[in-house]
Structure formats: C-alpha cells, structure tokens
C-alpha cells in the first residue's frame, strides 16, 4: 500500500516540476531488526518516482558497509539528500529515522533547496560558516508529531549545505532512545552541537549562529 496519498503525490509532482538541478537520495537500510527501515525505503521510492530529477540509491547497512563508512552513516534507517548528476555533492545533510509526520516536509524542503543550490541563509551567517576551520556536528532531535521540529531541522541542513565543515543530522528521538538518553532529550526539537552545546526549540537563525560560535 502506498504511503503517499494521491492528492499529495499530485501536489509534489507540481512542486518538483520546478526543480532546477538533479537531486540524489541515498537510503541505508537492512532487512532484519530495523524499525521503520522498510517504510523509510518505500517513502524514498515514492518521492523519487515523482520526478525524473530525483534519483535514488538504496544500500544495505551491513552488506554495503564500505559505502556506509564512506558517508559516515552509523545507524539506520538513514537518508542522505545530496546534489545529483554530474555535479554530485554530499552536503552533510542526514536523516536518521523515518522522516514521517511533520518531518516529511523537511525532506521536501531539502530536495528543493539542494536542487536550487542556495541555502537561503543570511549574508552574516554565510560569511561566518565560510571561515570555519574546525568540524561542526549538529544533531537535531525530533518526533513526527512536533510541528516546530521541521524548522530546526531545515536550519541545520541549511548550515550543512553552506559549509563542508558542517554535518547536520535529523535524529528521530523515539527510534534512537540511547541517543535521547545520552543527550538528555526531554523535549523536542533539541539541537546538540559538537556534543557539548545544546539549544531547545526552533530558534531563529541568529540565535543558532550564537550557539555555533559558542561550540567552536
């Protein structure tokens, strides 16, 4: 049974008609002992089928360990959204867990952003991240029922797109309870930067930039 309703597919087909450049989705999954792997793969397949500009590669997390290592994917289900075609580029945009509920919008916004090739961040933020000399790892903890989470995820992914030094993960808090416990996730969205700095809520760009400066 399809995960996307017919009305949603039609809306997305119209939206994807505006895609400027190719986008590649990469999904890591496995057959056994992986909650929501099947659904995550199916969702990616249904989205990719809506446009010739969207391609999809699916890998087994165990059998294709070399590819998982190449992309630094350490848990599943995992989805990468990157530039496709001749100008293929991995921006460090990651989804860990199924991007369902409100988070489905994050997948769509990321596809549009990557295809456009423009993060949409302010000139001040772009200038600061362009000067980064040390890696930044952002983890945005979410749940599918959180209406404020997609904004926090998108902002993290905008930053990742803008700098090769930044990787930004959406982490579905319920699917990865060990990480939620590790980072004391009591509510979502909760953004953890470089293991030590955290921020609650869907903060505006300027506030998150302040937290990034604190982390590095």
N, C-alpha and C. Protein backbone atom coordinates (compact mmCIF):
# COMPACT_ATOMS: atom_id res chain seq x y z
N UNK A 1 0.84 -1.20 0.00
CA UNK A 1 0.00 0.00 0.00
C UNK A 1 0.87 1.25 0.00
N UNK A 2 0.50 2.21 -0.82
CA UNK A 2 1.28 3.44 -0.93
C UNK A 2 1.22 4.25 0.36
N UNK A 3 2.34 4.89 0.69
CA UNK A 3 2.40 5.75 1.88
C UNK A 3 1.88 7.15 1.56
N UNK A 4 2.10 7.60 0.33
CA UNK A 4 1.64 8.93 -0.08
C UNK A 4 0.25 8.84 -0.68
N UNK A 5 -0.62 9.73 -0.27
CA UNK A 5 -1.95 9.79 -0.85
C UNK A 5 -1.88 10.41 -2.24
N UNK A 6 -2.87 10.08 -3.06
CA UNK A 6 -2.88 10.55 -4.44
C UNK A 6 -2.86 12.07 -4.53
N UNK A 7 -3.59 12.71 -3.65
CA UNK A 7 -3.63 14.18 -3.67
C UNK A 7 -2.25 14.76 -3.34
N UNK A 8 -1.55 14.13 -2.40
CA UNK A 8 -0.21 14.60 -2.03
C UNK A 8 0.77 14.38 -3.18
N UNK A 9 0.63 13.27 -3.86
CA UNK A 9 1.52 13.00 -5.00
C UNK A 9 1.35 14.06 -6.09
N UNK A 10 0.13 14.44 -6.35
CA UNK A 10 -0.11 15.45 -7.39
C UNK A 10 0.49 16.79 -7.01
N UNK A 11 0.35 17.17 -5.73
CA UNK A 11 0.93 18.43 -5.26
C UNK A 11 2.44 18.40 -5.39
N UNK A 12 3.05 17.28 -5.01
CA UNK A 12 4.50 17.17 -5.06
C UNK A 12 5.01 17.13 -6.50
N UNK A 13 4.28 16.49 -7.38
CA UNK A 13 4.68 16.47 -8.79
C UNK A 13 4.73 17.89 -9.34
N UNK A 14 3.75 18.70 -8.98
CA UNK A 14 3.73 20.10 -9.43
C UNK A 14 4.90 20.87 -8.82
N UNK A 15 5.17 20.62 -7.55
CA UNK A 15 6.27 21.30 -6.86
C UNK A 15 7.61 20.91 -7.48
N UNK A 16 7.78 19.62 -7.73
CA UNK A 16 9.04 19.12 -8.27
C UNK A 16 9.25 19.51 -9.75
N UNK A 17 8.21 19.98 -10.39
CA UNK A 17 8.36 20.44 -11.78
C UNK A 17 9.30 21.65 -11.85
N UNK A 18 9.48 22.31 -10.71
CA UNK A 18 10.34 23.48 -10.65
C UNK A 18 11.79 23.15 -10.28
N UNK A 19 12.11 21.88 -10.12
CA UNK A 19 13.47 21.51 -9.74
C UNK A 19 14.45 21.95 -10.84
N UNK A 20 15.50 22.66 -10.43
CA UNK A 20 16.46 23.19 -11.39
C UNK A 20 17.57 22.20 -11.73
N UNK A 21 18.06 21.50 -10.70
CA UNK A 21 19.19 20.59 -10.86
C UNK A 21 18.88 19.24 -10.23
N UNK A 22 19.56 18.18 -10.68
CA UNK A 22 19.29 16.84 -10.15
C UNK A 22 19.58 16.72 -8.66
N UNK A 23 18.80 15.89 -8.00
CA UNK A 23 18.97 15.60 -6.57
C UNK A 23 19.05 14.08 -6.40
N UNK A 24 19.95 13.66 -5.54
CA UNK A 24 20.09 12.22 -5.27
C UNK A 24 19.70 11.92 -3.82
N UNK A 25 18.88 10.90 -3.64
CA UNK A 25 18.58 10.38 -2.32
C UNK A 25 19.34 9.07 -2.13
N UNK A 26 19.97 8.91 -1.00
CA UNK A 26 20.64 7.66 -0.66
C UNK A 26 20.04 7.15 0.64
N UNK A 27 19.56 5.92 0.63
CA UNK A 27 18.94 5.33 1.81
C UNK A 27 19.73 4.10 2.24
N UNK A 28 20.02 4.03 3.52
CA UNK A 28 20.67 2.86 4.11
C UNK A 28 19.66 2.13 4.97
N UNK A 29 19.56 0.83 4.75
CA UNK A 29 18.53 0.03 5.40
C UNK A 29 19.07 -1.38 5.63
N UNK A 30 18.27 -2.26 6.16
CA UNK A 30 18.58 -3.68 6.20
C UNK A 30 17.28 -4.44 6.40
N UNK A 31 17.31 -5.71 6.12
CA UNK A 31 16.08 -6.49 6.10
C UNK A 31 15.54 -6.81 7.49
N UNK A 32 16.44 -7.05 8.43
CA UNK A 32 16.00 -7.53 9.74
C UNK A 32 16.40 -6.56 10.86
N UNK A 33 15.61 -6.56 11.92
CA UNK A 33 15.94 -5.84 13.16
C UNK A 33 16.21 -4.35 12.92
N UNK A 34 15.35 -3.74 12.15
CA UNK A 34 15.48 -2.30 11.92
C UNK A 34 14.08 -1.71 11.85
N UNK A 35 13.72 -0.99 12.89
CA UNK A 35 12.40 -0.37 12.94
C UNK A 35 12.28 0.71 11.88
N UNK A 36 11.23 0.64 11.10
CA UNK A 36 10.89 1.63 10.08
C UNK A 36 11.83 1.66 8.88
N UNK A 37 12.73 0.69 8.73
CA UNK A 37 13.59 0.66 7.54
C UNK A 37 12.77 0.47 6.27
N UNK A 38 11.84 -0.47 6.32
CA UNK A 38 11.01 -0.76 5.14
C UNK A 38 10.22 0.48 4.73
N UNK A 39 9.62 1.15 5.72
CA UNK A 39 8.81 2.33 5.43
C UNK A 39 9.66 3.50 4.92
N UNK A 40 10.86 3.64 5.48
CA UNK A 40 11.75 4.72 5.04
C UNK A 40 12.16 4.51 3.58
N UNK A 41 12.47 3.27 3.24
CA UNK A 41 12.82 2.97 1.85
C UNK A 41 11.64 3.22 0.92
N UNK A 42 10.46 2.77 1.33
CA UNK A 42 9.28 2.95 0.48
C UNK A 42 8.96 4.43 0.28
N UNK A 43 9.10 5.20 1.34
CA UNK A 43 8.83 6.64 1.24
C UNK A 43 9.78 7.29 0.25
N UNK A 44 11.06 6.93 0.31
CA UNK A 44 12.04 7.48 -0.62
C UNK A 44 11.74 7.06 -2.05
N UNK A 45 11.32 5.81 -2.22
CA UNK A 45 10.99 5.33 -3.57
C UNK A 45 9.80 6.09 -4.15
N UNK A 46 8.80 6.34 -3.32
CA UNK A 46 7.61 7.05 -3.80
C UNK A 46 7.93 8.50 -4.14
N UNK A 47 8.79 9.12 -3.34
CA UNK A 47 9.18 10.51 -3.61
C UNK A 47 10.01 10.59 -4.89
N UNK A 48 10.99 9.69 -5.03
CA UNK A 48 11.86 9.71 -6.21
C UNK A 48 11.09 9.45 -7.49
N UNK A 49 10.00 8.69 -7.39
CA UNK A 49 9.20 8.36 -8.58
C UNK A 49 8.42 9.55 -9.11
N UNK A 50 8.37 10.63 -8.34
CA UNK A 50 7.56 11.79 -8.72
C UNK A 50 8.28 12.75 -9.67
N UNK A 51 9.59 12.54 -9.87
CA UNK A 51 10.33 13.45 -10.75
C UNK A 51 11.54 12.75 -11.35
N UNK A 52 11.78 13.01 -12.61
CA UNK A 52 12.97 12.48 -13.27
C UNK A 52 14.24 13.14 -12.75
N UNK A 53 14.09 14.25 -12.04
CA UNK A 53 15.24 14.97 -11.50
C UNK A 53 15.71 14.40 -10.16
N UNK A 54 14.95 13.44 -9.63
CA UNK A 54 15.31 12.84 -8.34
C UNK A 54 15.70 11.38 -8.55
N UNK A 55 16.92 11.04 -8.18
CA UNK A 55 17.37 9.65 -8.27
C UNK A 55 17.49 9.05 -6.88
N UNK A 56 17.50 7.75 -6.81
CA UNK A 56 17.54 7.05 -5.52
C UNK A 56 18.52 5.89 -5.58
N UNK A 57 19.36 5.80 -4.54
CA UNK A 57 20.22 4.64 -4.35
C UNK A 57 19.91 4.06 -2.98
N UNK A 58 19.76 2.74 -2.91
CA UNK A 58 19.46 2.07 -1.64
C UNK A 58 20.57 1.06 -1.35
N UNK A 59 21.09 1.10 -0.14
CA UNK A 59 22.17 0.20 0.25
C UNK A 59 21.83 -0.53 1.55
N UNK A 60 22.33 -1.73 1.66
CA UNK A 60 22.21 -2.49 2.90
C UNK A 60 23.31 -2.05 3.86
N UNK A 61 22.92 -1.68 5.05
CA UNK A 61 23.85 -1.12 6.02
C UNK A 61 24.99 -2.09 6.35
N UNK A 62 24.70 -3.38 6.34
CA UNK A 62 25.72 -4.39 6.67
C UNK A 62 26.48 -4.84 5.43
N UNK A 63 25.75 -5.24 4.41
CA UNK A 63 26.38 -5.75 3.19
C UNK A 63 27.19 -4.68 2.47
N UNK A 64 26.75 -3.43 2.57
CA UNK A 64 27.44 -2.32 1.91
C UNK A 64 28.12 -1.42 2.93
N UNK A 65 28.79 -2.05 3.89
CA UNK A 65 29.43 -1.30 4.97
C UNK A 65 30.45 -0.29 4.45
N UNK A 66 31.13 -0.62 3.37
CA UNK A 66 32.12 0.30 2.82
C UNK A 66 31.48 1.60 2.35
N UNK A 67 30.28 1.51 1.79
CA UNK A 67 29.58 2.71 1.34
C UNK A 67 29.04 3.49 2.53
N UNK A 68 28.53 2.77 3.54
CA UNK A 68 28.07 3.43 4.76
C UNK A 68 29.21 4.18 5.43
N UNK A 69 30.38 3.55 5.46
CA UNK A 69 31.56 4.20 6.05
C UNK A 69 31.97 5.43 5.25
N UNK A 70 31.85 5.33 3.94
CA UNK A 70 32.20 6.46 3.07
C UNK A 70 31.39 7.70 3.42
N UNK A 71 30.11 7.48 3.74
CA UNK A 71 29.22 8.60 4.07
C UNK A 71 29.08 8.82 5.58
N UNK A 72 29.91 8.09 6.35
CA UNK A 72 29.89 8.22 7.82
C UNK A 72 28.51 7.96 8.40
N UNK A 73 27.80 7.02 7.83
CA UNK A 73 26.48 6.63 8.33
C UNK A 73 26.68 5.54 9.38
N UNK A 74 26.22 5.81 10.61
CA UNK A 74 26.48 4.88 11.71
C UNK A 74 25.23 4.28 12.33
N UNK A 75 24.05 4.57 11.76
CA UNK A 75 22.81 4.00 12.26
C UNK A 75 21.76 4.04 11.16
N UNK A 76 20.71 3.26 11.33
CA UNK A 76 19.68 3.17 10.29
C UNK A 76 18.30 3.15 10.94
N UNK A 77 17.26 3.50 10.16
CA UNK A 77 17.32 3.91 8.76
C UNK A 77 17.97 5.28 8.61
N UNK A 78 18.69 5.44 7.51
CA UNK A 78 19.37 6.70 7.24
C UNK A 78 19.06 7.17 5.83
N UNK A 79 18.86 8.47 5.68
CA UNK A 79 18.61 9.05 4.36
C UNK A 79 19.53 10.24 4.17
N UNK A 80 20.20 10.27 3.02
CA UNK A 80 21.06 11.39 2.63
C UNK A 80 20.39 12.10 1.46
N UNK A 81 20.41 13.42 1.50
CA UNK A 81 19.95 14.20 0.35
C UNK A 81 21.14 15.01 -0.16
N UNK A 82 21.49 14.82 -1.41
CA UNK A 82 22.67 15.46 -1.96
C UNK A 82 22.43 15.87 -3.40
N UNK A 83 23.30 16.71 -3.91
CA UNK A 83 23.22 17.09 -5.31
C UNK A 83 23.52 15.88 -6.18
N UNK A 84 22.79 15.72 -7.26
CA UNK A 84 22.98 14.58 -8.13
C UNK A 84 23.58 14.98 -9.47
N UNK A 85 23.53 14.07 -10.41
CA UNK A 85 24.04 14.35 -11.75
C UNK A 85 25.55 14.49 -11.79
N UNK A 86 26.03 15.23 -12.78
CA UNK A 86 27.47 15.42 -12.98
C UNK A 86 28.10 16.23 -11.86
N UNK A 87 27.28 17.05 -11.19
CA UNK A 87 27.78 17.89 -10.10
C UNK A 87 27.44 17.31 -8.74
N UNK A 88 27.45 15.99 -8.62
CA UNK A 88 27.09 15.31 -7.37
C UNK A 88 27.95 15.83 -6.21
N UNK A 89 27.27 16.15 -5.12
CA UNK A 89 27.97 16.66 -3.94
C UNK A 89 27.19 16.29 -2.69
N UNK A 90 27.91 15.74 -1.72
CA UNK A 90 27.31 15.43 -0.43
C UNK A 90 27.51 16.63 0.49
N UNK A 91 26.42 17.24 0.90
CA UNK A 91 26.49 18.44 1.74
C UNK A 91 26.53 18.13 3.24
N UNK A 92 26.37 16.86 3.60
CA UNK A 92 26.33 16.54 5.03
C UNK A 92 24.93 16.62 5.60
N UNK A 93 23.92 16.50 4.74
CA UNK A 93 22.51 16.51 5.16
C UNK A 93 22.09 15.08 5.45
N UNK A 94 21.67 14.83 6.68
CA UNK A 94 21.34 13.46 7.10
C UNK A 94 19.99 13.42 7.81
N UNK A 95 19.26 12.31 7.57
CA UNK A 95 18.05 11.98 8.33
C UNK A 95 18.28 10.60 8.94
N UNK A 96 18.17 10.50 10.25
CA UNK A 96 18.25 9.21 10.93
C UNK A 96 16.90 8.92 11.55
N UNK A 97 16.26 7.87 11.06
CA UNK A 97 14.88 7.57 11.43
C UNK A 97 13.96 7.95 10.28
N UNK A 98 12.75 7.49 10.34
CA UNK A 98 11.82 7.77 9.25
C UNK A 98 11.36 9.23 9.30
N UNK A 99 11.45 9.94 8.19
CA UNK A 99 11.00 11.33 8.15
C UNK A 99 9.50 11.40 7.90
N UNK A 100 8.73 11.01 8.90
CA UNK A 100 7.28 10.96 8.76
C UNK A 100 6.63 12.10 9.52
N UNK A 101 5.30 12.18 9.43
CA UNK A 101 4.59 13.24 10.12
C UNK A 101 5.04 14.60 9.63
N UNK A 102 5.25 15.50 10.58
CA UNK A 102 5.70 16.84 10.22
C UNK A 102 7.07 16.82 9.53
N UNK A 103 7.88 15.80 9.84
CA UNK A 103 9.24 15.76 9.28
C UNK A 103 9.27 15.45 7.79
N UNK A 104 8.16 14.97 7.25
CA UNK A 104 8.13 14.73 5.80
C UNK A 104 8.37 16.03 5.05
N UNK A 105 7.88 17.13 5.62
CA UNK A 105 8.09 18.43 4.96
C UNK A 105 9.57 18.79 4.88
N UNK A 106 10.37 18.31 5.85
CA UNK A 106 11.80 18.60 5.83
C UNK A 106 12.47 17.96 4.61
N UNK A 107 12.06 16.75 4.30
CA UNK A 107 12.60 16.06 3.12
C UNK A 107 12.30 16.88 1.85
N UNK A 108 11.07 17.33 1.74
CA UNK A 108 10.66 18.08 0.54
C UNK A 108 11.41 19.40 0.46
N UNK A 109 11.50 20.12 1.57
CA UNK A 109 12.21 21.40 1.58
C UNK A 109 13.69 21.21 1.24
N UNK A 110 14.28 20.14 1.75
CA UNK A 110 15.69 19.87 1.45
C UNK A 110 15.90 19.58 -0.02
N UNK A 111 15.00 18.80 -0.61
CA UNK A 111 15.11 18.49 -2.03
C UNK A 111 15.07 19.77 -2.86
N UNK A 112 14.14 20.65 -2.52
CA UNK A 112 14.02 21.92 -3.25
C UNK A 112 15.26 22.78 -3.06
N UNK A 113 15.77 22.82 -1.83
CA UNK A 113 16.94 23.64 -1.53
C UNK A 113 18.18 23.13 -2.26
N UNK A 114 18.41 21.83 -2.21
CA UNK A 114 19.59 21.25 -2.86
C UNK A 114 19.51 21.44 -4.37
N UNK A 115 18.32 21.28 -4.93
CA UNK A 115 18.16 21.46 -6.37
C UNK A 115 18.41 22.90 -6.77
N UNK A 116 17.99 23.83 -5.92
CA UNK A 116 18.19 25.26 -6.19
C UNK A 116 19.66 25.63 -6.06
N UNK A 117 20.39 24.92 -5.16
CA UNK A 117 21.79 25.23 -4.94
C UNK A 117 22.01 26.45 -4.09
N UNK A 118 21.02 26.80 -3.27
CA UNK A 118 21.08 28.01 -2.45
C UNK A 118 20.50 27.70 -1.07
N UNK A 119 21.31 27.97 -0.04
CA UNK A 119 20.87 27.66 1.33
C UNK A 119 19.81 28.62 1.85
N UNK A 120 19.84 29.85 1.37
CA UNK A 120 18.87 30.83 1.85
C UNK A 120 19.25 31.50 3.16
N UNK A 121 20.46 31.25 3.65
CA UNK A 121 20.91 31.86 4.90
C UNK A 121 21.31 33.32 4.69
N UNK A 122 21.39 34.05 5.78
CA UNK A 122 21.76 35.46 5.71
C UNK A 122 23.23 35.60 5.32
N UNK A 123 23.60 36.78 4.84
CA UNK A 123 24.98 37.06 4.44
C UNK A 123 25.91 36.93 5.64
N UNK A 124 25.45 37.35 6.82
CA UNK A 124 26.28 37.25 8.03
C UNK A 124 26.60 35.80 8.37
N UNK A 125 25.57 34.96 8.32
CA UNK A 125 25.79 33.54 8.64
C UNK A 125 26.68 32.89 7.59
N UNK A 126 26.44 33.17 6.33
CA UNK A 126 27.26 32.60 5.26
C UNK A 126 28.73 32.97 5.44
N UNK A 127 28.99 34.22 5.79
CA UNK A 127 30.37 34.67 5.97
C UNK A 127 31.03 33.96 7.13
N UNK A 128 30.28 33.76 8.22
CA UNK A 128 30.87 33.11 9.40
C UNK A 128 31.19 31.65 9.12
N UNK A 129 30.25 30.92 8.53
CA UNK A 129 30.50 29.50 8.28
C UNK A 129 31.56 29.29 7.21
N UNK A 130 31.71 30.25 6.30
CA UNK A 130 32.73 30.14 5.27
C UNK A 130 34.13 30.18 5.87
N UNK A 131 34.24 30.79 7.05
CA UNK A 131 35.55 30.91 7.70
C UNK A 131 35.83 29.79 8.69
N UNK A 132 34.92 28.84 8.81
CA UNK A 132 35.10 27.73 9.75
C UNK A 132 36.36 26.94 9.41
N UNK A 133 37.12 26.59 10.44
CA UNK A 133 38.33 25.80 10.25
C UNK A 133 38.27 24.47 10.99
N UNK A 134 37.26 24.28 11.82
CA UNK A 134 37.12 23.02 12.55
C UNK A 134 35.73 22.45 12.31
N UNK A 135 35.59 21.12 12.32
CA UNK A 135 34.32 20.47 12.01
C UNK A 135 33.24 20.79 13.04
N UNK A 136 32.01 20.86 12.55
CA UNK A 136 30.84 21.06 13.41
C UNK A 136 29.85 19.94 13.11
N UNK A 137 29.41 19.26 14.17
CA UNK A 137 28.41 18.20 14.02
C UNK A 137 27.16 18.61 14.77
N UNK A 138 26.06 18.76 14.05
CA UNK A 138 24.79 19.14 14.65
C UNK A 138 23.84 17.95 14.63
N UNK A 139 23.18 17.69 15.76
CA UNK A 139 22.15 16.66 15.84
C UNK A 139 20.86 17.33 16.32
N UNK A 140 19.84 17.27 15.48
CA UNK A 140 18.55 17.87 15.83
C UNK A 140 17.58 16.75 16.16
N UNK A 141 17.23 16.62 17.42
CA UNK A 141 16.31 15.58 17.87
C UNK A 141 14.87 16.02 17.66
N UNK A 142 14.08 15.12 17.07
CA UNK A 142 12.71 15.45 16.69
C UNK A 142 11.79 14.27 16.99
N UNK A 143 10.49 14.52 16.88
CA UNK A 143 9.48 13.47 16.81
C UNK A 143 8.53 13.82 15.67
N UNK A 144 7.86 12.83 15.10
CA UNK A 144 6.99 13.10 13.95
C UNK A 144 5.81 14.02 14.27
N UNK A 145 5.43 14.11 15.54
CA UNK A 145 4.25 14.89 15.91
C UNK A 145 4.60 16.32 16.35
N UNK A 146 5.86 16.70 16.22
CA UNK A 146 6.31 18.03 16.65
C UNK A 146 6.21 19.02 15.51
N UNK A 147 5.32 20.02 15.59
CA UNK A 147 5.16 20.97 14.50
C UNK A 147 6.30 21.98 14.38
N UNK A 148 7.10 22.10 15.44
CA UNK A 148 8.19 23.09 15.44
C UNK A 148 9.51 22.48 14.97
N UNK A 149 9.56 21.16 14.91
CA UNK A 149 10.82 20.48 14.60
C UNK A 149 11.32 20.70 13.17
N UNK A 150 10.45 20.69 12.15
CA UNK A 150 10.96 20.86 10.79
C UNK A 150 11.77 22.14 10.60
N UNK A 151 11.39 23.22 11.27
CA UNK A 151 12.14 24.46 11.13
C UNK A 151 13.55 24.30 11.66
N UNK A 152 13.69 23.62 12.80
CA UNK A 152 15.01 23.40 13.38
C UNK A 152 15.86 22.50 12.49
N UNK A 153 15.23 21.48 11.92
CA UNK A 153 15.95 20.57 11.03
C UNK A 153 16.41 21.30 9.77
N UNK A 154 15.51 22.08 9.17
CA UNK A 154 15.86 22.79 7.95
C UNK A 154 17.01 23.76 8.18
N UNK A 155 17.00 24.46 9.30
CA UNK A 155 18.07 25.40 9.60
C UNK A 155 19.41 24.68 9.72
N UNK A 156 19.41 23.53 10.38
CA UNK A 156 20.63 22.73 10.46
C UNK A 156 21.11 22.30 9.08
N UNK A 157 20.18 21.88 8.24
CA UNK A 157 20.54 21.43 6.90
C UNK A 157 20.97 22.60 6.00
N UNK A 158 20.42 23.77 6.23
CA UNK A 158 20.89 24.96 5.50
C UNK A 158 22.35 25.24 5.83
N UNK A 159 22.69 25.11 7.09
CA UNK A 159 24.07 25.33 7.52
C UNK A 159 25.01 24.28 6.92
N UNK A 160 24.55 23.03 6.91
CA UNK A 160 25.36 21.96 6.33
C UNK A 160 25.60 22.19 4.85
N UNK A 161 24.59 22.67 4.17
CA UNK A 161 24.73 22.93 2.74
C UNK A 161 25.73 24.06 2.49
N UNK A 162 25.80 24.99 3.41
CA UNK A 162 26.63 26.17 3.22
C UNK A 162 28.11 25.92 3.50
N UNK A 163 28.43 24.88 4.28
CA UNK A 163 29.83 24.66 4.66
C UNK A 163 30.19 23.18 4.66
N UNK A 164 31.32 22.85 4.05
CA UNK A 164 31.82 21.48 4.07
C UNK A 164 32.25 21.05 5.46
N UNK A 165 32.38 22.01 6.37
CA UNK A 165 32.81 21.70 7.73
C UNK A 165 31.65 21.30 8.64
N UNK A 166 30.42 21.44 8.14
CA UNK A 166 29.23 21.19 8.96
C UNK A 166 28.47 19.98 8.46
N UNK A 167 28.14 19.08 9.39
CA UNK A 167 27.22 17.98 9.13
C UNK A 167 26.02 18.15 10.06
N UNK A 168 24.83 17.99 9.52
CA UNK A 168 23.63 18.18 10.33
C UNK A 168 22.71 16.97 10.20
N UNK A 169 22.39 16.37 11.34
CA UNK A 169 21.56 15.18 11.38
C UNK A 169 20.19 15.48 11.98
N UNK A 170 19.14 15.03 11.32
CA UNK A 170 17.87 14.88 11.99
C UNK A 170 17.91 13.53 12.68
N UNK A 171 17.59 13.49 13.97
CA UNK A 171 17.56 12.22 14.71
C UNK A 171 16.17 12.06 15.32
N UNK A 172 15.47 11.01 14.90
CA UNK A 172 14.14 10.76 15.45
C UNK A 172 14.30 10.19 16.86
N UNK A 173 13.91 10.96 17.85
CA UNK A 173 14.22 10.68 19.25
C UNK A 173 13.68 9.34 19.74
N UNK A 174 12.51 8.96 19.28
CA UNK A 174 11.88 7.72 19.76
C UNK A 174 12.59 6.50 19.19
N UNK A 175 13.06 6.59 17.96
CA UNK A 175 13.73 5.45 17.31
C UNK A 175 15.14 5.22 17.85
N UNK A 176 15.74 6.24 18.42
CA UNK A 176 17.10 6.12 18.95
C UNK A 176 17.13 6.55 20.42
N UNK A 177 16.48 5.75 21.28
CA UNK A 177 16.37 6.13 22.70
C UNK A 177 17.71 6.24 23.41
N UNK A 178 18.71 5.46 22.97
CA UNK A 178 20.02 5.54 23.62
C UNK A 178 20.66 6.91 23.39
N UNK A 179 20.41 7.49 22.22
CA UNK A 179 20.94 8.83 21.96
C UNK A 179 20.12 9.89 22.69
N UNK A 180 18.82 9.68 22.77
CA UNK A 180 17.98 10.62 23.51
C UNK A 180 18.37 10.65 24.98
N UNK A 181 18.70 9.49 25.52
CA UNK A 181 19.15 9.43 26.91
C UNK A 181 20.52 10.08 27.07
N UNK A 182 21.41 9.78 26.13
CA UNK A 182 22.77 10.32 26.20
C UNK A 182 22.76 11.84 26.22
N UNK A 183 21.89 12.44 25.41
CA UNK A 183 21.87 13.90 25.29
C UNK A 183 20.73 14.54 26.08
N UNK A 184 20.15 13.77 26.99
CA UNK A 184 19.11 14.29 27.90
C UNK A 184 17.99 15.00 27.16
N UNK A 185 17.47 14.33 26.15
CA UNK A 185 16.38 14.92 25.38
C UNK A 185 15.08 14.76 26.15
N UNK A 186 14.59 15.85 26.70
CA UNK A 186 13.33 15.86 27.44
C UNK A 186 12.19 16.41 26.60
N UNK A 187 12.53 17.21 25.62
CA UNK A 187 11.54 17.79 24.71
C UNK A 187 12.20 18.05 23.37
N UNK A 188 11.38 18.26 22.36
CA UNK A 188 11.91 18.47 21.00
C UNK A 188 11.29 19.73 20.41
N UNK A 189 12.01 20.35 19.47
CA UNK A 189 13.35 19.99 18.99
C UNK A 189 14.43 20.35 20.00
N UNK A 190 15.45 19.52 20.04
CA UNK A 190 16.65 19.80 20.85
C UNK A 190 17.85 19.63 19.93
N UNK A 191 18.63 20.68 19.80
CA UNK A 191 19.80 20.65 18.92
C UNK A 191 21.06 20.53 19.75
N UNK A 192 21.87 19.52 19.42
CA UNK A 192 23.14 19.30 20.10
C UNK A 192 24.26 19.59 19.11
N UNK A 193 25.19 20.45 19.52
CA UNK A 193 26.29 20.86 18.65
C UNK A 193 27.61 20.41 19.25
N UNK A 194 28.34 19.60 18.48
CA UNK A 194 29.66 19.11 18.91
C UNK A 194 29.64 18.51 20.31
N UNK A 195 28.55 17.79 20.61
CA UNK A 195 28.44 17.01 21.85
C UNK A 195 28.24 17.84 23.11
N UNK A 196 28.60 19.11 23.09
CA UNK A 196 28.66 19.87 24.34
C UNK A 196 27.66 21.02 24.45
N UNK A 197 27.32 21.64 23.34
CA UNK A 197 26.43 22.80 23.36
C UNK A 197 25.05 22.36 22.87
N UNK A 198 24.02 22.81 23.55
CA UNK A 198 22.67 22.41 23.12
C UNK A 198 21.73 23.61 23.15
N UNK A 199 20.63 23.45 22.43
CA UNK A 199 19.65 24.51 22.34
C UNK A 199 18.26 23.89 22.23
N UNK A 200 17.31 24.44 22.95
CA UNK A 200 15.95 23.94 22.93
C UNK A 200 15.10 24.77 21.97
N UNK A 201 14.19 24.12 21.31
CA UNK A 201 13.22 24.82 20.49
C UNK A 201 13.73 25.16 19.10
N UNK A 202 12.81 25.67 18.29
CA UNK A 202 13.13 26.08 16.92
C UNK A 202 13.58 27.54 16.95
N UNK A 203 14.83 27.75 17.30
CA UNK A 203 15.36 29.11 17.48
C UNK A 203 15.60 29.78 16.12
N UNK A 204 15.56 31.10 16.10
CA UNK A 204 15.87 31.82 14.86
C UNK A 204 17.34 31.66 14.48
N UNK A 205 17.63 31.98 13.23
CA UNK A 205 18.98 31.80 12.68
C UNK A 205 20.05 32.50 13.51
N UNK A 206 19.80 33.73 13.92
CA UNK A 206 20.81 34.49 14.67
C UNK A 206 21.14 33.83 16.00
N UNK A 207 20.13 33.26 16.65
CA UNK A 207 20.36 32.60 17.93
C UNK A 207 21.18 31.32 17.75
N UNK A 208 20.87 30.56 16.70
CA UNK A 208 21.62 29.35 16.44
C UNK A 208 23.07 29.68 16.07
N UNK A 209 23.27 30.75 15.34
CA UNK A 209 24.62 31.17 14.99
C UNK A 209 25.42 31.46 16.26
N UNK A 210 24.77 32.07 17.24
CA UNK A 210 25.43 32.32 18.52
C UNK A 210 25.85 31.04 19.19
N UNK A 211 25.01 30.01 19.12
CA UNK A 211 25.34 28.71 19.71
C UNK A 211 26.48 28.05 18.96
N UNK A 212 26.53 28.21 17.64
CA UNK A 212 27.62 27.66 16.86
C UNK A 212 28.95 28.31 17.27
N UNK A 213 28.93 29.60 17.46
CA UNK A 213 30.14 30.31 17.87
C UNK A 213 30.59 29.81 19.24
N UNK A 214 29.64 29.54 20.10
CA UNK A 214 29.96 29.00 21.42
C UNK A 214 30.59 27.61 21.32
N UNK A 215 30.12 26.82 20.38
CA UNK A 215 30.58 25.44 20.26
C UNK A 215 31.99 25.34 19.70
N UNK A 216 32.39 26.31 18.87
CA UNK A 216 33.71 26.21 18.23
C UNK A 216 34.70 27.18 18.86
